[in-house]
N, C-alpha and C. Protein backbone atom coordinates (compact mmCIF):
# COMPACT_ATOMS: atom_id res chain seq x y z
N MET A 1 49.82 -12.07 27.35
CA MET A 1 50.02 -11.60 26.01
C MET A 1 49.18 -12.38 25.00
N LEU A 2 49.02 -13.68 25.23
CA LEU A 2 48.23 -14.53 24.36
C LEU A 2 46.76 -14.11 24.37
N ALA A 3 46.25 -13.74 25.56
CA ALA A 3 44.85 -13.31 25.68
C ALA A 3 44.62 -12.03 24.89
N LEU A 4 45.56 -11.11 24.93
CA LEU A 4 45.44 -9.86 24.19
C LEU A 4 45.44 -10.12 22.69
N LYS A 5 46.28 -11.05 22.24
CA LYS A 5 46.33 -11.40 20.82
C LYS A 5 45.00 -12.01 20.37
N ASN A 6 44.38 -12.87 21.20
CA ASN A 6 43.07 -13.46 20.88
C ASN A 6 42.00 -12.37 20.76
N ILE A 7 42.04 -11.42 21.67
CA ILE A 7 41.05 -10.33 21.65
C ILE A 7 41.22 -9.51 20.38
N GLU A 8 42.47 -9.22 20.01
CA GLU A 8 42.73 -8.45 18.79
C GLU A 8 42.24 -9.20 17.55
N GLU A 9 42.46 -10.51 17.49
CA GLU A 9 42.00 -11.31 16.36
C GLU A 9 40.48 -11.33 16.27
N ARG A 10 39.81 -11.47 17.42
CA ARG A 10 38.34 -11.46 17.44
C ARG A 10 37.80 -10.09 17.02
N LEU A 11 38.45 -9.03 17.49
CA LEU A 11 38.04 -7.68 17.13
C LEU A 11 38.19 -7.47 15.62
N ARG A 12 39.29 -7.91 15.04
CA ARG A 12 39.53 -7.78 13.61
C ARG A 12 38.47 -8.57 12.83
N ALA A 13 38.16 -9.78 13.28
CA ALA A 13 37.14 -10.60 12.62
C ALA A 13 35.77 -9.92 12.68
N ASN A 14 35.43 -9.35 13.84
CA ASN A 14 34.15 -8.66 13.99
C ASN A 14 34.08 -7.43 13.09
N GLU A 15 35.18 -6.70 12.98
CA GLU A 15 35.22 -5.52 12.11
C GLU A 15 35.04 -5.93 10.65
N GLU A 16 35.65 -7.03 10.24
CA GLU A 16 35.49 -7.52 8.87
C GLU A 16 34.05 -7.94 8.60
N THR A 17 33.44 -8.62 9.57
CA THR A 17 32.04 -9.03 9.44
C THR A 17 31.14 -7.81 9.33
N LEU A 18 31.37 -6.81 10.17
CA LEU A 18 30.57 -5.58 10.15
C LEU A 18 30.70 -4.87 8.80
N THR A 19 31.91 -4.78 8.29
CA THR A 19 32.14 -4.16 6.99
C THR A 19 31.41 -4.91 5.89
N GLU A 20 31.46 -6.23 5.93
CA GLU A 20 30.77 -7.05 4.93
C GLU A 20 29.25 -6.87 5.01
N LEU A 21 28.69 -6.85 6.22
CA LEU A 21 27.25 -6.65 6.38
C LEU A 21 26.81 -5.28 5.89
N LYS A 22 27.61 -4.26 6.18
CA LYS A 22 27.29 -2.92 5.69
C LYS A 22 27.27 -2.90 4.17
N ARG A 23 28.23 -3.55 3.54
CA ARG A 23 28.31 -3.61 2.09
C ARG A 23 27.08 -4.33 1.52
N GLU A 24 26.68 -5.43 2.14
CA GLU A 24 25.51 -6.20 1.67
C GLU A 24 24.23 -5.39 1.77
N ASN A 25 24.08 -4.61 2.83
CA ASN A 25 22.84 -3.88 3.07
C ASN A 25 22.82 -2.48 2.46
N GLU A 26 23.93 -2.05 1.90
CA GLU A 26 24.00 -0.72 1.33
C GLU A 26 22.95 -0.55 0.24
N GLY A 27 22.10 0.45 0.41
CA GLY A 27 21.08 0.74 -0.59
C GLY A 27 19.83 -0.12 -0.51
N LYS A 28 19.83 -1.15 0.31
CA LYS A 28 18.68 -2.04 0.38
C LYS A 28 17.42 -1.34 0.88
N TYR A 29 17.56 -0.48 1.85
CA TYR A 29 16.39 0.13 2.48
C TYR A 29 16.25 1.61 2.12
N ARG A 30 16.86 2.01 1.04
CA ARG A 30 16.75 3.40 0.63
C ARG A 30 15.54 3.64 -0.26
N SER A 31 15.04 2.61 -0.89
CA SER A 31 13.88 2.75 -1.77
C SER A 31 12.63 2.98 -0.93
N VAL A 32 11.79 3.88 -1.40
CA VAL A 32 10.53 4.15 -0.73
C VAL A 32 9.42 3.88 -1.73
N ILE A 33 8.45 3.06 -1.33
CA ILE A 33 7.32 2.74 -2.19
C ILE A 33 6.07 3.30 -1.53
N VAL A 34 5.46 4.27 -2.18
CA VAL A 34 4.27 4.92 -1.66
C VAL A 34 3.34 5.17 -2.84
N PHE A 35 2.03 5.01 -2.63
CA PHE A 35 1.08 5.37 -3.68
C PHE A 35 -0.14 5.99 -3.03
N TYR A 36 -0.89 6.76 -3.81
CA TYR A 36 -2.10 7.41 -3.34
C TYR A 36 -3.04 7.53 -4.52
N ILE A 37 -4.26 7.07 -4.34
CA ILE A 37 -5.28 7.17 -5.39
C ILE A 37 -6.45 7.96 -4.83
N TYR A 38 -6.82 9.02 -5.52
CA TYR A 38 -7.96 9.84 -5.13
C TYR A 38 -8.78 10.08 -6.38
N ILE A 39 -10.03 9.69 -6.34
CA ILE A 39 -10.89 9.84 -7.51
C ILE A 39 -11.62 11.18 -7.42
N SER A 40 -11.47 11.98 -8.44
CA SER A 40 -12.11 13.28 -8.50
C SER A 40 -13.45 13.17 -9.22
N SER A 41 -14.36 14.08 -8.90
CA SER A 41 -15.68 14.04 -9.54
C SER A 41 -15.59 14.45 -11.01
N VAL A 42 -14.59 15.22 -11.39
CA VAL A 42 -14.44 15.62 -12.78
C VAL A 42 -13.16 14.98 -13.31
N LEU A 43 -13.28 13.78 -13.80
CA LEU A 43 -12.12 13.09 -14.34
C LEU A 43 -11.83 13.56 -15.76
N PHE A 44 -12.87 13.75 -16.54
CA PHE A 44 -12.70 14.28 -17.89
C PHE A 44 -14.04 14.79 -18.38
N ASP A 45 -13.96 15.69 -19.32
CA ASP A 45 -15.16 16.23 -19.96
C ASP A 45 -15.14 15.76 -21.41
N PRO A 46 -15.99 14.78 -21.76
CA PRO A 46 -15.95 14.24 -23.12
C PRO A 46 -16.34 15.27 -24.18
N PHE A 47 -16.95 16.38 -23.74
CA PHE A 47 -17.39 17.39 -24.70
C PHE A 47 -16.36 18.50 -24.87
N SER A 48 -15.25 18.42 -24.17
CA SER A 48 -14.21 19.44 -24.28
C SER A 48 -13.06 18.90 -25.12
N PRO A 49 -12.90 19.40 -26.35
CA PRO A 49 -11.84 18.88 -27.21
C PRO A 49 -10.44 19.23 -26.72
N SER A 50 -10.33 20.25 -25.86
CA SER A 50 -9.01 20.68 -25.40
C SER A 50 -8.51 19.88 -24.20
N GLN A 51 -9.39 19.10 -23.59
CA GLN A 51 -9.00 18.37 -22.37
C GLN A 51 -8.60 16.94 -22.70
N ASN A 52 -7.52 16.49 -22.09
CA ASN A 52 -7.12 15.09 -22.25
C ASN A 52 -8.13 14.18 -21.59
N THR A 53 -8.32 13.02 -22.14
CA THR A 53 -9.24 12.04 -21.55
C THR A 53 -8.50 11.27 -20.46
N LEU A 54 -8.88 11.51 -19.23
CA LEU A 54 -8.28 10.83 -18.09
C LEU A 54 -9.37 10.09 -17.34
N PHE A 55 -9.12 8.87 -16.99
CA PHE A 55 -10.11 8.12 -16.23
C PHE A 55 -9.42 7.01 -15.45
N CYS A 56 -10.13 6.51 -14.46
CA CYS A 56 -9.58 5.46 -13.60
C CYS A 56 -9.86 4.10 -14.22
N THR A 57 -8.83 3.38 -14.56
CA THR A 57 -9.00 2.03 -15.08
C THR A 57 -8.71 1.05 -13.95
N VAL A 58 -9.03 -0.20 -14.17
CA VAL A 58 -8.74 -1.22 -13.16
C VAL A 58 -7.25 -1.25 -12.86
N ASN A 59 -6.42 -1.13 -13.91
CA ASN A 59 -4.98 -1.16 -13.69
C ASN A 59 -4.50 0.02 -12.87
N LEU A 60 -5.07 1.21 -13.10
CA LEU A 60 -4.67 2.40 -12.37
C LEU A 60 -5.04 2.28 -10.90
N CYS A 61 -6.17 1.68 -10.59
CA CYS A 61 -6.66 1.62 -9.22
C CYS A 61 -6.24 0.36 -8.49
N THR A 62 -5.39 -0.43 -9.08
CA THR A 62 -4.86 -1.64 -8.44
C THR A 62 -3.39 -1.43 -8.14
N PHE A 63 -3.01 -1.64 -6.89
CA PHE A 63 -1.60 -1.57 -6.53
C PHE A 63 -0.98 -2.94 -6.74
N THR A 64 0.13 -3.00 -7.46
CA THR A 64 0.87 -4.23 -7.67
C THR A 64 2.21 -4.11 -6.96
N ALA A 65 2.47 -5.02 -6.02
CA ALA A 65 3.69 -4.95 -5.21
C ALA A 65 4.93 -5.11 -6.09
N PRO A 66 5.84 -4.13 -6.05
CA PRO A 66 7.06 -4.24 -6.85
C PRO A 66 8.13 -5.10 -6.19
N VAL A 67 8.03 -5.29 -4.86
CA VAL A 67 9.01 -6.11 -4.13
C VAL A 67 8.30 -6.87 -3.01
N ASN A 68 8.88 -7.97 -2.56
CA ASN A 68 8.38 -8.67 -1.38
C ASN A 68 8.50 -7.74 -0.18
N GLY A 69 7.52 -7.77 0.71
CA GLY A 69 7.64 -6.93 1.89
C GLY A 69 6.37 -6.87 2.70
N ILE A 70 6.45 -6.07 3.75
CA ILE A 70 5.32 -5.80 4.62
C ILE A 70 4.82 -4.40 4.28
N TYR A 71 3.54 -4.29 3.92
CA TYR A 71 2.94 -3.05 3.45
C TYR A 71 1.80 -2.64 4.36
N PHE A 72 1.54 -1.33 4.41
CA PHE A 72 0.39 -0.78 5.12
C PHE A 72 -0.54 -0.14 4.09
N PHE A 73 -1.85 -0.43 4.20
CA PHE A 73 -2.86 0.13 3.31
C PHE A 73 -3.97 0.74 4.14
N ILE A 74 -4.56 1.82 3.62
CA ILE A 74 -5.72 2.43 4.25
C ILE A 74 -6.63 2.95 3.13
N PHE A 75 -7.95 2.86 3.37
CA PHE A 75 -8.89 3.42 2.40
C PHE A 75 -9.96 4.18 3.14
N TYR A 76 -10.53 5.17 2.47
CA TYR A 76 -11.54 6.05 3.04
C TYR A 76 -12.68 6.16 2.05
N ALA A 77 -13.92 6.07 2.54
CA ALA A 77 -15.10 6.18 1.68
C ALA A 77 -16.15 7.05 2.36
N HIS A 78 -16.94 7.77 1.55
CA HIS A 78 -17.96 8.69 2.05
C HIS A 78 -19.23 8.49 1.24
N SER A 79 -20.37 8.38 1.94
CA SER A 79 -21.63 8.12 1.27
C SER A 79 -22.79 8.68 2.08
N SER A 80 -23.92 8.84 1.42
CA SER A 80 -25.16 9.17 2.13
C SER A 80 -26.16 8.03 1.99
N ASN A 81 -25.73 6.93 1.41
CA ASN A 81 -26.56 5.76 1.19
C ASN A 81 -25.87 4.52 1.77
N GLN A 82 -26.50 3.39 1.54
CA GLN A 82 -25.87 2.12 1.95
C GLN A 82 -24.51 2.00 1.28
N MET A 83 -23.50 1.58 2.06
CA MET A 83 -22.15 1.50 1.52
C MET A 83 -21.42 0.31 2.13
N VAL A 84 -20.83 -0.50 1.28
CA VAL A 84 -19.92 -1.55 1.72
C VAL A 84 -18.72 -1.51 0.76
N VAL A 85 -17.55 -1.28 1.31
CA VAL A 85 -16.32 -1.22 0.52
C VAL A 85 -15.33 -2.20 1.14
N SER A 86 -14.68 -3.00 0.31
CA SER A 86 -13.71 -3.98 0.81
C SER A 86 -12.36 -3.77 0.14
N LEU A 87 -11.33 -4.10 0.89
CA LEU A 87 -9.97 -4.12 0.35
C LEU A 87 -9.61 -5.57 0.06
N HIS A 88 -9.13 -5.82 -1.14
CA HIS A 88 -8.81 -7.18 -1.59
C HIS A 88 -7.32 -7.33 -1.81
N LYS A 89 -6.83 -8.52 -1.54
CA LYS A 89 -5.47 -8.92 -1.91
C LYS A 89 -5.62 -10.15 -2.79
N ASN A 90 -5.17 -10.05 -4.03
CA ASN A 90 -5.28 -11.17 -4.97
C ASN A 90 -6.68 -11.79 -4.97
N ASN A 91 -7.69 -10.94 -5.10
CA ASN A 91 -9.10 -11.33 -5.20
C ASN A 91 -9.69 -11.92 -3.93
N GLN A 92 -9.05 -11.73 -2.79
CA GLN A 92 -9.60 -12.20 -1.51
C GLN A 92 -9.78 -11.00 -0.58
N ILE A 93 -10.97 -10.89 0.02
CA ILE A 93 -11.26 -9.78 0.93
C ILE A 93 -10.36 -9.86 2.15
N GLN A 94 -9.75 -8.71 2.49
CA GLN A 94 -8.88 -8.62 3.66
C GLN A 94 -9.54 -7.82 4.78
N CYS A 95 -10.27 -6.76 4.43
CA CYS A 95 -11.00 -5.96 5.42
C CYS A 95 -12.05 -5.14 4.69
N SER A 96 -13.04 -4.63 5.44
CA SER A 96 -14.15 -3.90 4.83
C SER A 96 -14.59 -2.77 5.74
N VAL A 97 -15.42 -1.89 5.20
CA VAL A 97 -16.11 -0.87 5.97
C VAL A 97 -17.58 -0.93 5.55
N PHE A 98 -18.49 -0.86 6.54
CA PHE A 98 -19.92 -1.01 6.29
C PHE A 98 -20.70 0.18 6.84
N PHE A 99 -21.67 0.68 6.08
CA PHE A 99 -22.69 1.60 6.55
C PHE A 99 -23.97 1.15 5.87
N LEU A 100 -24.85 0.49 6.62
CA LEU A 100 -26.01 -0.13 5.99
C LEU A 100 -27.24 0.77 5.99
N ASN A 101 -27.46 1.58 7.02
CA ASN A 101 -28.62 2.45 7.06
C ASN A 101 -28.26 3.81 7.65
N PRO A 102 -27.43 4.59 6.98
CA PRO A 102 -27.03 5.87 7.56
C PRO A 102 -28.20 6.86 7.57
N GLN A 103 -28.30 7.63 8.63
CA GLN A 103 -29.34 8.66 8.74
C GLN A 103 -28.91 9.94 8.02
N THR A 104 -27.62 10.17 7.96
CA THR A 104 -27.06 11.33 7.25
C THR A 104 -25.85 10.84 6.47
N ASN A 105 -25.05 11.76 6.02
CA ASN A 105 -23.81 11.36 5.36
C ASN A 105 -22.97 10.52 6.30
N ALA A 106 -22.40 9.48 5.77
CA ALA A 106 -21.57 8.58 6.57
C ALA A 106 -20.21 8.45 5.91
N ASN A 107 -19.20 8.26 6.73
CA ASN A 107 -17.88 8.01 6.17
C ASN A 107 -17.19 6.98 7.04
N GLY A 108 -16.24 6.34 6.45
CA GLY A 108 -15.51 5.33 7.20
C GLY A 108 -14.18 5.03 6.54
N SER A 109 -13.32 4.47 7.34
CA SER A 109 -12.02 4.07 6.80
C SER A 109 -11.58 2.79 7.49
N ASN A 110 -10.65 2.12 6.87
CA ASN A 110 -10.10 0.91 7.45
C ASN A 110 -8.67 0.80 6.97
N GLY A 111 -7.85 0.19 7.77
CA GLY A 111 -6.45 0.01 7.41
C GLY A 111 -5.98 -1.38 7.78
N ILE A 112 -4.92 -1.81 7.12
CA ILE A 112 -4.43 -3.17 7.36
C ILE A 112 -2.94 -3.25 6.98
N VAL A 113 -2.23 -4.10 7.68
CA VAL A 113 -0.85 -4.42 7.35
C VAL A 113 -0.86 -5.78 6.66
N LEU A 114 -0.26 -5.86 5.47
CA LEU A 114 -0.26 -7.10 4.69
C LEU A 114 1.15 -7.50 4.30
N SER A 115 1.36 -8.79 4.29
CA SER A 115 2.59 -9.36 3.76
C SER A 115 2.36 -9.65 2.28
N LEU A 116 3.14 -9.02 1.41
CA LEU A 116 2.95 -9.19 -0.03
C LEU A 116 4.21 -9.74 -0.69
N GLN A 117 3.98 -10.52 -1.71
CA GLN A 117 5.07 -10.98 -2.56
C GLN A 117 5.04 -10.14 -3.83
N LYS A 118 6.18 -10.00 -4.48
CA LYS A 118 6.26 -9.24 -5.72
C LYS A 118 5.18 -9.75 -6.68
N GLY A 119 4.38 -8.81 -7.22
CA GLY A 119 3.32 -9.17 -8.16
C GLY A 119 1.95 -9.30 -7.52
N ASP A 120 1.86 -9.39 -6.19
CA ASP A 120 0.55 -9.43 -5.53
C ASP A 120 -0.20 -8.14 -5.83
N GLU A 121 -1.53 -8.25 -5.97
CA GLU A 121 -2.36 -7.09 -6.28
C GLU A 121 -3.28 -6.76 -5.12
N VAL A 122 -3.41 -5.47 -4.84
CA VAL A 122 -4.28 -4.97 -3.78
C VAL A 122 -5.16 -3.87 -4.37
N TYR A 123 -6.46 -3.93 -4.09
CA TYR A 123 -7.38 -2.93 -4.61
C TYR A 123 -8.60 -2.87 -3.70
N THR A 124 -9.40 -1.80 -3.86
CA THR A 124 -10.66 -1.68 -3.14
C THR A 124 -11.79 -1.94 -4.12
N GLN A 125 -12.92 -2.41 -3.56
CA GLN A 125 -14.08 -2.69 -4.41
C GLN A 125 -15.35 -2.31 -3.67
N LEU A 126 -16.23 -1.62 -4.38
CA LEU A 126 -17.54 -1.25 -3.88
C LEU A 126 -18.49 -2.40 -4.14
N TRP A 127 -19.22 -2.82 -3.10
CA TRP A 127 -20.13 -3.95 -3.25
C TRP A 127 -21.36 -3.56 -4.06
N GLU A 128 -22.04 -4.57 -4.58
CA GLU A 128 -23.28 -4.38 -5.33
C GLU A 128 -24.31 -3.69 -4.43
N ASN A 129 -25.11 -2.80 -5.02
CA ASN A 129 -26.15 -2.03 -4.32
C ASN A 129 -25.57 -1.11 -3.25
N SER A 130 -24.33 -0.70 -3.41
CA SER A 130 -23.68 0.26 -2.52
C SER A 130 -23.37 1.52 -3.31
N TRP A 131 -23.26 2.62 -2.57
CA TRP A 131 -23.01 3.90 -3.22
C TRP A 131 -21.97 4.67 -2.43
N VAL A 132 -21.11 5.40 -3.13
CA VAL A 132 -20.20 6.35 -2.49
C VAL A 132 -20.19 7.63 -3.32
N PHE A 133 -19.85 8.75 -2.68
CA PHE A 133 -19.68 9.99 -3.43
C PHE A 133 -18.53 9.81 -4.41
N ASP A 134 -18.62 10.50 -5.53
CA ASP A 134 -17.61 10.28 -6.57
C ASP A 134 -16.32 11.07 -6.36
N ASP A 135 -16.26 11.92 -5.34
CA ASP A 135 -15.06 12.74 -5.19
C ASP A 135 -14.54 12.81 -3.75
N GLU A 136 -14.91 11.87 -2.92
CA GLU A 136 -14.48 11.94 -1.52
C GLU A 136 -14.01 10.58 -1.01
N ASN A 137 -13.26 9.89 -1.82
CA ASN A 137 -12.79 8.55 -1.46
C ASN A 137 -11.31 8.44 -1.82
N SER A 138 -10.57 7.66 -1.03
CA SER A 138 -9.15 7.51 -1.34
C SER A 138 -8.66 6.13 -0.93
N PHE A 139 -7.55 5.75 -1.50
CA PHE A 139 -6.91 4.46 -1.25
C PHE A 139 -5.41 4.71 -1.31
N THR A 140 -4.71 4.41 -0.24
CA THR A 140 -3.28 4.68 -0.20
C THR A 140 -2.54 3.57 0.52
N GLY A 141 -1.25 3.52 0.34
CA GLY A 141 -0.45 2.51 1.00
C GLY A 141 1.03 2.77 0.82
N PHE A 142 1.81 2.06 1.61
CA PHE A 142 3.26 2.20 1.50
C PHE A 142 3.95 0.97 2.05
N LEU A 143 5.18 0.79 1.61
CA LEU A 143 6.02 -0.30 2.07
C LEU A 143 6.57 0.04 3.44
N LEU A 144 6.31 -0.81 4.43
CA LEU A 144 6.90 -0.62 5.75
C LEU A 144 8.36 -1.05 5.73
N PHE A 145 8.60 -2.26 5.20
CA PHE A 145 9.97 -2.73 5.03
C PHE A 145 9.99 -3.92 4.09
N PRO A 146 11.06 -4.03 3.28
CA PRO A 146 11.19 -5.19 2.41
C PRO A 146 11.49 -6.42 3.24
N CYS A 147 11.08 -7.56 2.74
CA CYS A 147 11.30 -8.81 3.49
C CYS A 147 11.48 -9.94 2.49
N GLU A 148 12.61 -10.59 2.52
CA GLU A 148 12.89 -11.71 1.63
C GLU A 148 12.39 -13.03 2.21
N CYS A 149 11.84 -12.99 3.42
CA CYS A 149 11.46 -14.23 4.11
C CYS A 149 10.07 -14.71 3.77
N LEU A 150 9.40 -14.08 2.83
CA LEU A 150 8.01 -14.45 2.52
C LEU A 150 7.94 -15.71 1.71
């Protein structure tokens, strides 16, 4: 009878722990962080008074991590000339794509998983003397999972 009472007490304690953990984690992983940047060849027509002026600023093309976590990023670039594009985290190159002497149109992409802290910035940058088409490039990313251990 004593063994059964011990088992019941342990079961009750485990159920209380499980309930507490569920309460702590409720809503933690429901947020989804996703972004996508695609630059179009016609961002705005300065000669059209009826059109809003829209353009890509440094702030618009820079992803700033809203929470600590593990993120996935990918970028795509297309060119018919020499092209070097790099993905940066807080002004440090993390990965790049290179086409130095393409015979025809060339395209490339690269992806990376990064550990970011809230406020870290990630962006792509075209190197000096490199060219890409103005309407066939993209930069996207998403939060894989939040992580407080960073």
